[in-house]
N, C-alpha and C. Protein backbone atom coordinates (compact mmCIF):
# COMPACT_ATOMS: atom_id res chain seq x y z
N UNK A 1 183.51 61.02 122.36
CA UNK A 1 182.64 60.43 121.33
C UNK A 1 183.10 59.00 121.01
N UNK A 2 184.42 58.86 120.81
CA UNK A 2 184.96 57.54 120.50
C UNK A 2 184.75 56.57 121.65
N UNK A 3 184.82 57.10 122.88
CA UNK A 3 184.60 56.24 124.05
C UNK A 3 183.15 55.76 124.11
N UNK A 4 182.22 56.65 123.74
CA UNK A 4 180.80 56.28 123.73
C UNK A 4 180.53 55.20 122.70
N UNK A 5 181.09 55.38 121.50
CA UNK A 5 180.92 54.38 120.44
C UNK A 5 181.53 53.05 120.86
N UNK A 6 182.71 53.12 121.48
CA UNK A 6 183.38 51.90 121.93
C UNK A 6 182.53 51.19 123.00
N UNK A 7 181.89 51.98 123.88
CA UNK A 7 181.04 51.38 124.92
C UNK A 7 179.87 50.65 124.29
N UNK A 8 179.15 51.32 123.36
CA UNK A 8 178.01 50.68 122.71
C UNK A 8 178.44 49.47 121.88
N UNK A 9 179.62 49.57 121.27
CA UNK A 9 180.14 48.43 120.50
C UNK A 9 180.38 47.23 121.41
N UNK A 10 180.88 47.50 122.61
CA UNK A 10 181.17 46.40 123.55
C UNK A 10 179.88 45.80 124.12
N UNK A 11 178.79 46.56 124.08
CA UNK A 11 177.51 46.10 124.62
C UNK A 11 176.49 45.84 123.51
N UNK A 12 176.96 45.56 122.30
CA UNK A 12 176.06 45.49 121.14
C UNK A 12 175.02 44.38 121.27
N UNK A 13 175.39 43.25 121.83
CA UNK A 13 174.43 42.15 121.94
C UNK A 13 173.41 42.42 123.05
N UNK A 14 173.83 43.07 124.11
CA UNK A 14 172.89 43.47 125.15
C UNK A 14 171.91 44.51 124.62
N UNK A 15 172.40 45.44 123.80
CA UNK A 15 171.53 46.46 123.20
C UNK A 15 170.51 45.82 122.27
N UNK A 16 170.97 44.88 121.45
CA UNK A 16 170.06 44.20 120.54
C UNK A 16 169.03 43.38 121.32
N UNK A 17 169.47 42.73 122.38
CA UNK A 17 168.55 41.94 123.20
C UNK A 17 167.47 42.82 123.80
N UNK A 18 167.86 43.98 124.33
CA UNK A 18 166.88 44.93 124.87
C UNK A 18 165.91 45.38 123.78
N UNK A 19 166.44 45.71 122.59
CA UNK A 19 165.60 46.18 121.50
C UNK A 19 164.59 45.12 121.08
N UNK A 20 165.02 43.86 121.02
CA UNK A 20 164.12 42.79 120.62
C UNK A 20 163.02 42.57 121.66
N UNK A 21 163.40 42.57 122.93
CA UNK A 21 162.41 42.34 123.99
C UNK A 21 161.37 43.45 124.02
N UNK A 22 161.82 44.71 123.91
CA UNK A 22 160.84 45.80 123.94
C UNK A 22 159.96 45.79 122.70
N UNK A 23 160.51 45.36 121.56
CA UNK A 23 159.72 45.32 120.34
C UNK A 23 158.62 44.26 120.43
N UNK A 24 158.96 43.11 121.01
CA UNK A 24 157.99 42.02 121.08
C UNK A 24 156.98 42.20 122.21
N UNK A 25 157.41 42.74 123.35
CA UNK A 25 156.58 42.66 124.55
C UNK A 25 156.19 44.00 125.16
N UNK A 26 156.45 45.10 124.46
CA UNK A 26 156.09 46.41 125.04
C UNK A 26 154.57 46.57 125.16
N UNK A 27 153.82 45.74 124.41
CA UNK A 27 152.36 45.78 124.51
C UNK A 27 151.85 45.46 125.90
N UNK A 28 152.69 44.86 126.74
CA UNK A 28 152.31 44.58 128.12
C UNK A 28 151.93 45.88 128.84
N UNK A 29 152.57 46.99 128.45
CA UNK A 29 152.37 48.27 129.15
C UNK A 29 151.39 49.18 128.43
N UNK A 30 150.77 48.71 127.35
CA UNK A 30 149.88 49.56 126.55
C UNK A 30 148.50 48.93 126.42
N UNK A 31 147.47 49.76 126.49
CA UNK A 31 146.10 49.28 126.28
C UNK A 31 145.49 49.85 125.01
N UNK A 32 146.05 50.96 124.51
CA UNK A 32 145.53 51.61 123.30
C UNK A 32 146.26 51.04 122.09
N UNK A 33 145.64 50.09 121.40
CA UNK A 33 146.29 49.42 120.28
C UNK A 33 146.43 50.35 119.08
N UNK A 34 145.52 51.31 118.93
CA UNK A 34 145.65 52.27 117.83
C UNK A 34 146.88 53.15 118.03
N UNK A 35 147.11 53.60 119.26
CA UNK A 35 148.32 54.37 119.59
C UNK A 35 149.56 53.52 119.36
N UNK A 36 149.46 52.25 119.71
CA UNK A 36 150.57 51.32 119.49
C UNK A 36 150.92 51.27 118.01
N UNK A 37 149.90 51.17 117.16
CA UNK A 37 150.13 51.05 115.72
C UNK A 37 150.72 52.31 115.13
N UNK A 38 150.18 53.48 115.52
CA UNK A 38 150.57 54.74 114.90
C UNK A 38 151.89 55.29 115.43
N UNK A 39 152.13 55.14 116.71
CA UNK A 39 153.27 55.81 117.35
C UNK A 39 154.34 54.82 117.82
N UNK A 40 153.92 53.83 118.60
CA UNK A 40 154.89 52.97 119.27
C UNK A 40 155.63 52.07 118.28
N UNK A 41 154.91 51.52 117.31
CA UNK A 41 155.53 50.59 116.37
C UNK A 41 156.68 51.22 115.59
N UNK A 42 156.49 52.42 114.98
CA UNK A 42 157.64 53.05 114.30
C UNK A 42 158.81 53.33 115.24
N UNK A 43 158.51 53.77 116.48
CA UNK A 43 159.58 54.03 117.44
C UNK A 43 160.30 52.73 117.79
N UNK A 44 159.53 51.64 117.96
CA UNK A 44 160.11 50.33 118.24
C UNK A 44 161.08 49.91 117.16
N UNK A 45 160.69 50.12 115.91
CA UNK A 45 161.55 49.71 114.80
C UNK A 45 162.82 50.56 114.75
N UNK A 46 162.70 51.83 115.12
CA UNK A 46 163.88 52.69 115.18
C UNK A 46 164.84 52.19 116.26
N UNK A 47 164.31 51.88 117.44
CA UNK A 47 165.14 51.35 118.53
C UNK A 47 165.79 50.03 118.11
N UNK A 48 164.98 49.18 117.47
CA UNK A 48 165.50 47.89 117.02
C UNK A 48 166.61 48.07 115.98
N UNK A 49 166.42 49.01 115.07
CA UNK A 49 167.44 49.28 114.06
C UNK A 49 168.72 49.80 114.68
N UNK A 50 168.58 50.72 115.65
CA UNK A 50 169.76 51.26 116.33
C UNK A 50 170.47 50.15 117.12
N UNK A 51 169.66 49.26 117.71
CA UNK A 51 170.24 48.16 118.46
C UNK A 51 171.00 47.18 117.61
N UNK A 52 170.65 47.12 116.32
CA UNK A 52 171.32 46.16 115.42
C UNK A 52 172.50 46.76 114.68
N UNK A 53 172.63 48.09 114.71
CA UNK A 53 173.68 48.75 113.94
C UNK A 53 175.07 48.24 114.30
N UNK A 54 175.32 48.11 115.61
CA UNK A 54 176.68 47.77 116.06
C UNK A 54 177.05 46.32 115.75
N UNK A 55 176.04 45.49 115.40
CA UNK A 55 176.33 44.12 115.00
C UNK A 55 177.15 44.11 113.72
N UNK A 56 176.98 45.15 112.90
CA UNK A 56 177.61 45.19 111.58
C UNK A 56 178.73 46.22 111.49
N UNK A 57 179.10 46.82 112.61
CA UNK A 57 180.15 47.83 112.59
C UNK A 57 181.46 47.25 112.07
N UNK A 58 182.08 48.00 111.17
CA UNK A 58 183.37 47.59 110.63
C UNK A 58 183.29 46.62 109.48
N UNK A 59 182.07 46.32 109.01
CA UNK A 59 181.89 45.40 107.89
C UNK A 59 181.39 46.19 106.69
N UNK A 60 182.09 46.09 105.58
CA UNK A 60 181.79 46.95 104.44
C UNK A 60 181.56 46.18 103.14
N UNK A 61 181.22 44.92 103.24
CA UNK A 61 180.95 44.15 102.03
C UNK A 61 179.63 44.60 101.44
N UNK A 62 179.37 44.17 100.20
CA UNK A 62 178.13 44.58 99.53
C UNK A 62 176.90 44.08 100.29
N UNK A 63 177.02 42.94 100.98
CA UNK A 63 175.88 42.43 101.75
C UNK A 63 175.46 43.39 102.85
N UNK A 64 176.45 44.01 103.48
CA UNK A 64 176.13 44.89 104.59
C UNK A 64 175.64 46.26 104.11
N UNK A 65 176.14 46.70 102.96
CA UNK A 65 175.57 47.91 102.39
C UNK A 65 174.13 47.67 101.96
N UNK A 66 173.86 46.49 101.40
CA UNK A 66 172.49 46.13 101.01
C UNK A 66 171.60 46.04 102.23
N UNK A 67 172.15 45.49 103.30
CA UNK A 67 171.38 45.39 104.54
C UNK A 67 171.04 46.79 105.06
N UNK A 68 171.98 47.75 104.99
CA UNK A 68 171.71 49.10 105.45
C UNK A 68 170.61 49.78 104.64
N UNK A 69 170.63 49.58 103.33
CA UNK A 69 169.58 50.14 102.48
C UNK A 69 168.24 49.49 102.79
N UNK A 70 168.27 48.19 103.01
CA UNK A 70 167.03 47.48 103.33
C UNK A 70 166.48 47.93 104.67
N UNK A 71 167.37 48.23 105.62
CA UNK A 71 166.90 48.69 106.92
C UNK A 71 166.14 50.01 106.80
N UNK A 72 166.57 50.89 105.90
CA UNK A 72 165.85 52.15 105.69
C UNK A 72 164.42 51.87 105.24
N UNK A 73 164.26 50.90 104.34
CA UNK A 73 162.92 50.51 103.89
C UNK A 73 162.11 49.98 105.07
N UNK A 74 162.72 49.10 105.86
CA UNK A 74 162.04 48.51 107.02
C UNK A 74 161.64 49.59 108.02
N UNK A 75 162.49 50.57 108.20
CA UNK A 75 162.21 51.66 109.14
C UNK A 75 161.05 52.53 108.68
N UNK A 76 160.93 52.73 107.37
CA UNK A 76 159.89 53.60 106.83
C UNK A 76 158.53 52.91 106.72
N UNK A 77 158.51 51.61 106.60
CA UNK A 77 157.25 50.90 106.38
C UNK A 77 156.21 51.12 107.48
N UNK A 78 156.57 51.10 108.79
CA UNK A 78 155.53 51.30 109.81
C UNK A 78 154.87 52.68 109.75
N UNK A 79 155.57 53.66 109.19
CA UNK A 79 155.01 55.01 109.10
C UNK A 79 153.75 55.02 108.24
N UNK A 80 153.71 54.12 107.26
CA UNK A 80 152.55 54.08 106.36
C UNK A 80 151.37 53.28 106.88
N UNK A 81 151.51 52.65 108.06
CA UNK A 81 150.44 51.79 108.58
C UNK A 81 149.12 52.54 108.76
N UNK A 82 149.11 53.75 109.39
CA UNK A 82 147.82 54.44 109.54
C UNK A 82 147.11 54.70 108.22
N UNK A 83 147.87 55.00 107.17
CA UNK A 83 147.26 55.30 105.87
C UNK A 83 146.83 54.04 105.13
N UNK A 84 147.52 52.93 105.37
CA UNK A 84 147.26 51.70 104.61
C UNK A 84 146.76 50.56 105.50
N UNK A 85 146.16 50.90 106.64
CA UNK A 85 145.79 49.85 107.60
C UNK A 85 144.74 48.88 107.07
N UNK A 86 144.00 49.28 106.03
CA UNK A 86 142.98 48.41 105.45
C UNK A 86 143.42 47.81 104.12
N UNK A 87 144.70 47.97 103.78
CA UNK A 87 145.22 47.49 102.50
C UNK A 87 146.05 46.23 102.75
N UNK A 88 145.54 45.08 102.32
CA UNK A 88 146.18 43.80 102.65
C UNK A 88 147.57 43.67 102.01
N UNK A 89 147.72 44.14 100.75
CA UNK A 89 149.01 43.95 100.08
C UNK A 89 150.13 44.72 100.77
N UNK A 90 149.78 45.86 101.41
CA UNK A 90 150.80 46.66 102.10
C UNK A 90 151.38 45.87 103.26
N UNK A 91 150.52 45.19 104.01
CA UNK A 91 150.99 44.42 105.15
C UNK A 91 151.73 43.16 104.70
N UNK A 92 151.34 42.61 103.57
CA UNK A 92 152.10 41.49 103.02
C UNK A 92 153.51 41.92 102.68
N UNK A 93 153.63 43.07 102.02
CA UNK A 93 154.93 43.63 101.67
C UNK A 93 155.74 43.94 102.92
N UNK A 94 155.09 44.53 103.92
CA UNK A 94 155.76 44.87 105.18
C UNK A 94 156.29 43.61 105.86
N UNK A 95 155.45 42.59 105.96
CA UNK A 95 155.85 41.37 106.67
C UNK A 95 156.99 40.64 105.98
N UNK A 96 156.95 40.58 104.65
CA UNK A 96 158.03 39.92 103.91
C UNK A 96 159.35 40.64 104.15
N UNK A 97 159.33 41.96 104.15
CA UNK A 97 160.55 42.73 104.39
C UNK A 97 161.05 42.53 105.81
N UNK A 98 160.15 42.42 106.78
CA UNK A 98 160.57 42.17 108.15
C UNK A 98 161.20 40.80 108.29
N UNK A 99 160.63 39.80 107.63
CA UNK A 99 161.20 38.46 107.67
C UNK A 99 162.63 38.47 107.14
N UNK A 100 162.83 39.15 106.00
CA UNK A 100 164.18 39.24 105.41
C UNK A 100 165.14 39.94 106.37
N UNK A 101 164.68 41.03 106.98
CA UNK A 101 165.52 41.80 107.90
C UNK A 101 165.95 40.95 109.10
N UNK A 102 165.01 40.24 109.70
CA UNK A 102 165.33 39.44 110.88
C UNK A 102 166.13 38.19 110.54
N UNK A 103 165.89 37.61 109.37
CA UNK A 103 166.70 36.46 108.93
C UNK A 103 168.16 36.89 108.77
N UNK A 104 168.37 38.06 108.18
CA UNK A 104 169.72 38.57 107.99
C UNK A 104 170.42 38.75 109.34
N UNK A 105 169.70 39.32 110.31
CA UNK A 105 170.27 39.48 111.66
C UNK A 105 170.57 38.13 112.30
N UNK A 106 169.65 37.20 112.16
CA UNK A 106 169.82 35.89 112.77
C UNK A 106 171.05 35.17 112.20
N UNK A 107 171.23 35.23 110.89
CA UNK A 107 172.39 34.58 110.28
C UNK A 107 173.70 35.20 110.74
N UNK A 108 173.68 36.53 110.94
CA UNK A 108 174.88 37.21 111.43
C UNK A 108 175.21 36.75 112.85
N UNK A 109 174.18 36.62 113.68
CA UNK A 109 174.39 36.14 115.04
C UNK A 109 174.86 34.69 115.05
N UNK A 110 174.31 33.89 114.16
CA UNK A 110 174.69 32.48 114.10
C UNK A 110 176.15 32.33 113.72
N UNK A 111 176.63 33.17 112.80
CA UNK A 111 178.05 33.12 112.44
C UNK A 111 178.92 33.44 113.65
N UNK A 112 178.46 34.39 114.47
CA UNK A 112 179.22 34.74 115.66
C UNK A 112 179.22 33.58 116.67
N UNK A 113 178.06 32.94 116.86
CA UNK A 113 177.95 31.86 117.83
C UNK A 113 178.77 30.64 117.45
N UNK A 114 178.96 30.44 116.14
CA UNK A 114 179.70 29.27 115.68
C UNK A 114 181.21 29.45 115.72
N UNK A 115 181.67 30.67 116.02
CA UNK A 115 183.11 30.88 116.15
C UNK A 115 183.61 30.09 117.36
N UNK A 116 184.67 29.33 117.18
CA UNK A 116 185.11 28.44 118.27
C UNK A 116 185.92 29.16 119.34
N UNK A 117 186.03 28.51 120.51
CA UNK A 117 187.11 28.87 121.40
C UNK A 117 186.79 29.53 122.71
N UNK A 118 185.68 30.21 122.87
CA UNK A 118 185.49 30.89 124.15
C UNK A 118 184.01 31.07 124.45
N UNK A 119 183.73 31.34 125.72
CA UNK A 119 182.37 31.66 126.14
C UNK A 119 182.43 32.84 127.09
N UNK A 120 181.60 33.84 126.86
CA UNK A 120 181.55 35.02 127.72
C UNK A 120 180.14 35.61 127.68
N UNK A 121 179.98 36.80 128.22
CA UNK A 121 178.64 37.40 128.28
C UNK A 121 178.09 37.69 126.90
N UNK A 122 178.98 38.00 125.93
CA UNK A 122 178.50 38.23 124.56
C UNK A 122 177.86 36.99 123.97
N UNK A 123 178.45 35.83 124.23
CA UNK A 123 177.89 34.58 123.73
C UNK A 123 176.51 34.33 124.32
N UNK A 124 176.36 34.57 125.62
CA UNK A 124 175.07 34.36 126.28
C UNK A 124 174.03 35.32 125.73
N UNK A 125 174.38 36.60 125.60
CA UNK A 125 173.44 37.61 125.08
C UNK A 125 173.07 37.31 123.63
N UNK A 126 174.07 36.94 122.83
CA UNK A 126 173.81 36.62 121.43
C UNK A 126 172.91 35.40 121.31
N UNK A 127 173.08 34.43 122.19
CA UNK A 127 172.24 33.24 122.18
C UNK A 127 170.78 33.62 122.44
N UNK A 128 170.56 34.48 123.43
CA UNK A 128 169.20 34.94 123.73
C UNK A 128 168.63 35.75 122.55
N UNK A 129 169.47 36.57 121.94
CA UNK A 129 169.04 37.34 120.76
C UNK A 129 168.57 36.41 119.65
N UNK A 130 169.32 35.32 119.44
CA UNK A 130 168.95 34.37 118.41
C UNK A 130 167.57 33.78 118.65
N UNK A 131 167.24 33.50 119.89
CA UNK A 131 165.93 32.94 120.22
C UNK A 131 164.83 33.94 119.92
N UNK A 132 165.02 35.19 120.34
CA UNK A 132 164.00 36.20 120.08
C UNK A 132 163.91 36.57 118.60
N UNK A 133 165.03 36.48 117.88
CA UNK A 133 164.99 36.72 116.44
C UNK A 133 164.18 35.64 115.73
N UNK A 134 164.27 34.40 116.19
CA UNK A 134 163.44 33.34 115.61
C UNK A 134 161.95 33.62 115.85
N UNK A 135 161.62 34.17 117.01
CA UNK A 135 160.23 34.54 117.28
C UNK A 135 159.80 35.67 116.34
N UNK A 136 160.67 36.67 116.16
CA UNK A 136 160.36 37.78 115.24
C UNK A 136 160.10 37.25 113.82
N UNK A 137 161.00 36.40 113.34
CA UNK A 137 160.86 35.84 112.00
C UNK A 137 159.53 35.09 111.88
N UNK A 138 159.22 34.29 112.89
CA UNK A 138 158.00 33.49 112.86
C UNK A 138 156.75 34.37 112.87
N UNK A 139 156.76 35.40 113.70
CA UNK A 139 155.61 36.31 113.80
C UNK A 139 155.31 36.95 112.46
N UNK A 140 156.32 37.51 111.82
CA UNK A 140 156.07 38.22 110.57
C UNK A 140 155.81 37.26 109.41
N UNK A 141 156.35 36.06 109.49
CA UNK A 141 156.03 35.05 108.48
C UNK A 141 154.56 34.66 108.59
N UNK A 142 154.08 34.42 109.80
CA UNK A 142 152.69 34.04 109.99
C UNK A 142 151.74 35.20 109.70
N UNK A 143 152.20 36.42 109.98
CA UNK A 143 151.39 37.58 109.64
C UNK A 143 151.16 37.68 108.14
N UNK A 144 152.18 37.30 107.37
CA UNK A 144 152.03 37.32 105.91
C UNK A 144 150.87 36.44 105.48
N UNK A 145 150.78 35.24 106.07
CA UNK A 145 149.67 34.35 105.73
C UNK A 145 148.35 34.88 106.25
N UNK A 146 148.36 35.48 107.44
CA UNK A 146 147.13 36.00 108.03
C UNK A 146 146.54 37.13 107.19
N UNK A 147 147.39 38.02 106.68
CA UNK A 147 146.89 39.11 105.85
C UNK A 147 146.47 38.63 104.46
N UNK A 148 147.12 37.58 104.00
CA UNK A 148 146.75 37.02 102.70
C UNK A 148 145.42 36.26 102.79
N UNK A 149 145.24 35.54 103.91
CA UNK A 149 144.01 34.78 104.13
C UNK A 149 143.57 34.97 105.58
N UNK A 150 142.58 35.84 105.84
CA UNK A 150 142.15 36.13 107.21
C UNK A 150 141.63 34.91 107.98
N UNK A 151 141.42 33.79 107.28
CA UNK A 151 140.95 32.59 107.96
C UNK A 151 142.10 31.64 108.30
N UNK A 152 143.32 32.15 108.26
CA UNK A 152 144.49 31.30 108.51
C UNK A 152 144.56 30.83 109.95
N UNK A 153 143.99 31.62 110.90
CA UNK A 153 144.04 31.27 112.32
C UNK A 153 142.68 31.46 112.96
N UNK A 154 142.42 30.68 113.99
CA UNK A 154 141.26 30.88 114.86
C UNK A 154 141.73 31.52 116.16
N UNK A 155 140.94 32.46 116.67
CA UNK A 155 141.22 33.03 117.98
C UNK A 155 142.07 34.29 117.97
N UNK A 156 142.41 34.81 116.78
CA UNK A 156 143.24 36.02 116.70
C UNK A 156 142.36 37.26 116.67
N UNK A 157 142.77 38.29 117.40
CA UNK A 157 142.10 39.59 117.38
C UNK A 157 142.48 40.31 116.08
N UNK A 158 141.54 40.39 115.15
CA UNK A 158 141.81 41.01 113.85
C UNK A 158 141.29 42.44 113.77
N UNK A 159 140.98 43.05 114.92
CA UNK A 159 140.41 44.40 114.91
C UNK A 159 141.43 45.47 114.55
N UNK A 160 142.73 45.16 114.66
CA UNK A 160 143.77 46.14 114.35
C UNK A 160 145.07 45.41 114.03
N UNK A 161 145.99 46.06 113.31
CA UNK A 161 147.30 45.44 113.06
C UNK A 161 148.04 45.10 114.35
N UNK A 162 147.91 45.97 115.36
CA UNK A 162 148.58 45.71 116.63
C UNK A 162 148.00 44.48 117.32
N UNK A 163 146.67 44.29 117.19
CA UNK A 163 146.03 43.12 117.77
C UNK A 163 146.54 41.83 117.15
N UNK A 164 146.68 41.83 115.83
CA UNK A 164 147.21 40.65 115.13
C UNK A 164 148.65 40.40 115.55
N UNK A 165 149.45 41.46 115.61
CA UNK A 165 150.86 41.32 115.97
C UNK A 165 151.03 40.75 117.37
N UNK A 166 150.35 41.34 118.35
CA UNK A 166 150.53 40.89 119.73
C UNK A 166 150.02 39.46 119.92
N UNK A 167 148.93 39.11 119.26
CA UNK A 167 148.41 37.74 119.37
C UNK A 167 149.39 36.73 118.76
N UNK A 168 150.03 37.10 117.65
CA UNK A 168 150.98 36.19 117.02
C UNK A 168 152.31 36.12 117.79
N UNK A 169 152.69 37.22 118.47
CA UNK A 169 153.85 37.15 119.36
C UNK A 169 153.58 36.13 120.47
N UNK A 170 152.39 36.21 121.03
CA UNK A 170 151.99 35.25 122.06
C UNK A 170 151.96 33.84 121.51
N UNK A 171 151.35 33.65 120.34
CA UNK A 171 151.22 32.32 119.75
C UNK A 171 152.59 31.71 119.44
N UNK A 172 153.47 32.50 118.83
CA UNK A 172 154.81 31.98 118.48
C UNK A 172 155.63 31.68 119.73
N UNK A 173 155.48 32.52 120.75
CA UNK A 173 156.24 32.30 121.99
C UNK A 173 155.84 30.98 122.65
N UNK A 174 154.53 30.72 122.74
CA UNK A 174 154.10 29.48 123.39
C UNK A 174 154.37 28.27 122.49
N UNK A 175 154.44 28.49 121.17
CA UNK A 175 154.79 27.40 120.27
C UNK A 175 156.26 27.02 120.45
N UNK A 176 157.13 28.02 120.54
CA UNK A 176 158.56 27.76 120.73
C UNK A 176 158.83 27.07 122.07
N UNK A 177 158.05 27.42 123.07
CA UNK A 177 158.27 26.84 124.39
C UNK A 177 157.48 25.55 124.59
N UNK A 178 156.77 25.11 123.55
CA UNK A 178 156.00 23.85 123.57
C UNK A 178 154.90 23.85 124.62
N UNK A 179 154.34 25.04 124.94
CA UNK A 179 153.25 25.10 125.91
C UNK A 179 151.92 24.78 125.21
N UNK A 180 151.55 25.63 124.24
CA UNK A 180 150.36 25.37 123.44
C UNK A 180 149.06 25.33 124.22
N UNK A 181 148.52 26.50 124.60
CA UNK A 181 147.27 26.54 125.35
C UNK A 181 146.05 26.19 124.50
N UNK A 182 146.14 26.39 123.19
CA UNK A 182 145.03 26.03 122.32
C UNK A 182 144.01 27.12 122.09
N UNK A 183 144.22 28.33 122.67
CA UNK A 183 143.26 29.42 122.45
C UNK A 183 143.42 30.04 121.06
N UNK A 184 144.63 29.95 120.48
CA UNK A 184 144.86 30.35 119.10
C UNK A 184 145.37 29.12 118.35
N UNK A 185 144.73 28.82 117.24
CA UNK A 185 145.13 27.63 116.49
C UNK A 185 145.18 27.93 115.00
N UNK A 186 146.10 27.32 114.27
CA UNK A 186 146.13 27.46 112.80
C UNK A 186 144.89 26.81 112.20
N UNK A 187 144.35 27.45 111.17
CA UNK A 187 143.06 27.01 110.62
C UNK A 187 143.15 26.70 109.13
N UNK A 188 144.36 26.54 108.62
CA UNK A 188 144.57 26.26 107.20
C UNK A 188 145.76 25.32 107.10
N UNK A 189 145.77 24.46 106.10
CA UNK A 189 146.83 23.46 106.05
C UNK A 189 148.22 24.09 105.94
N UNK A 190 148.30 25.26 105.26
CA UNK A 190 149.59 25.93 105.13
C UNK A 190 150.09 26.41 106.49
N UNK A 191 149.23 27.13 107.22
CA UNK A 191 149.64 27.65 108.53
C UNK A 191 149.86 26.53 109.55
N UNK A 192 149.15 25.43 109.38
CA UNK A 192 149.40 24.28 110.26
C UNK A 192 150.81 23.74 110.04
N UNK A 193 151.19 23.59 108.78
CA UNK A 193 152.52 23.07 108.47
C UNK A 193 153.62 24.06 108.85
N UNK A 194 153.37 25.35 108.59
CA UNK A 194 154.36 26.38 108.96
C UNK A 194 154.54 26.42 110.46
N UNK A 195 153.44 26.32 111.20
CA UNK A 195 153.51 26.30 112.67
C UNK A 195 154.29 25.09 113.16
N UNK A 196 154.06 23.94 112.54
CA UNK A 196 154.81 22.73 112.90
C UNK A 196 156.30 22.93 112.64
N UNK A 197 156.62 23.53 111.51
CA UNK A 197 158.03 23.78 111.18
C UNK A 197 158.66 24.76 112.17
N UNK A 198 157.90 25.78 112.57
CA UNK A 198 158.38 26.75 113.56
C UNK A 198 158.70 26.05 114.88
N UNK A 199 157.80 25.16 115.32
CA UNK A 199 158.04 24.44 116.57
C UNK A 199 159.29 23.58 116.51
N UNK A 200 159.48 22.87 115.39
CA UNK A 200 160.67 22.04 115.21
C UNK A 200 161.92 22.90 115.18
N UNK A 201 161.85 24.04 114.48
CA UNK A 201 163.00 24.95 114.39
C UNK A 201 163.41 25.46 115.77
N UNK A 202 162.42 25.83 116.58
CA UNK A 202 162.71 26.30 117.93
C UNK A 202 163.39 25.24 118.77
N UNK A 203 162.90 24.00 118.69
CA UNK A 203 163.52 22.92 119.44
C UNK A 203 164.93 22.63 118.93
N UNK A 204 165.10 22.66 117.61
CA UNK A 204 166.41 22.40 117.02
C UNK A 204 167.42 23.47 117.43
N UNK A 205 166.98 24.74 117.42
CA UNK A 205 167.88 25.82 117.84
C UNK A 205 168.32 25.63 119.28
N UNK A 206 167.38 25.25 120.14
CA UNK A 206 167.71 25.05 121.55
C UNK A 206 168.73 23.94 121.73
N UNK A 207 168.52 22.82 121.04
CA UNK A 207 169.44 21.68 121.15
C UNK A 207 170.83 22.05 120.63
N UNK A 208 170.86 22.67 119.45
CA UNK A 208 172.15 23.06 118.85
C UNK A 208 172.85 24.08 119.73
N UNK A 209 172.08 25.04 120.27
CA UNK A 209 172.67 26.08 121.12
C UNK A 209 173.30 25.47 122.37
N UNK A 210 172.60 24.53 122.99
CA UNK A 210 173.17 23.86 124.17
C UNK A 210 174.48 23.17 123.80
N UNK A 211 174.49 22.51 122.64
CA UNK A 211 175.72 21.86 122.19
C UNK A 211 176.85 22.85 121.97
N UNK A 212 176.54 24.00 121.36
CA UNK A 212 177.56 25.03 121.12
C UNK A 212 178.12 25.55 122.44
N UNK A 213 177.23 25.84 123.40
CA UNK A 213 177.67 26.39 124.68
C UNK A 213 178.52 25.39 125.45
N UNK A 214 178.11 24.13 125.45
CA UNK A 214 178.90 23.10 126.13
C UNK A 214 180.27 22.95 125.48
N UNK A 215 180.28 22.98 124.14
CA UNK A 215 181.54 22.87 123.41
C UNK A 215 182.48 24.01 123.74
N UNK A 216 181.92 25.24 123.78
CA UNK A 216 182.76 26.41 124.08
C UNK A 216 183.27 26.36 125.52
N UNK A 217 182.39 25.94 126.44
CA UNK A 217 182.80 25.86 127.83
C UNK A 217 183.89 24.80 128.02
N UNK A 218 183.74 23.66 127.36
CA UNK A 218 184.74 22.59 127.46
C UNK A 218 186.06 23.04 126.84
N UNK A 219 185.97 23.77 125.71
CA UNK A 219 187.17 24.25 125.04
C UNK A 219 187.91 25.25 125.93
N UNK A 220 187.14 26.10 126.61
CA UNK A 220 187.77 27.10 127.50
C UNK A 220 188.47 26.40 128.65
N UNK A 221 187.83 25.38 129.23
CA UNK A 221 188.45 24.67 130.35
C UNK A 221 189.69 23.91 129.89
């Protein structure tokens, strides 16, 4: 048992990276968006939560206990989606809690990346996790505006919560990579400014990350 825990602890960033990728992009393998909303989304959040557990192993401050309690809330929220799928305030509450959850994870990863002195596979995996966490934060932040004002974006499939989520995953991904096909566009001054800030944040993270990796590599040599 201890060996299993030690193994997962040693692979914690790889586990989190897998959890983030499957959470964002598992829709590639699904065509039934209603099934995605009712079944896959809660399972995704469970996998994501399990993938993040080992990031906080051995830490017992009040922040981490608060994070554990908050994760229980985050885990339970998708279960209510079928019952509250037409209730806008529920999705606003859900999205705000997801933003808080992913911001907390991102800050924890950032603290790890800023530790000086070495570069290894954990640093590379954590760096990739940070990028996908920024996409997660952006998706749920923009979803908050979309549910508050359905005219926040043009080109989004609003037929189901899963449709909105997958479209915003796509939109945030191409915004971070500076591709911008133009099929989905912000349609309100708030979402335009938030989208601009998201793009700048993504570029800033990339530049800072490159600097951190070069610094660690130079320090190791």
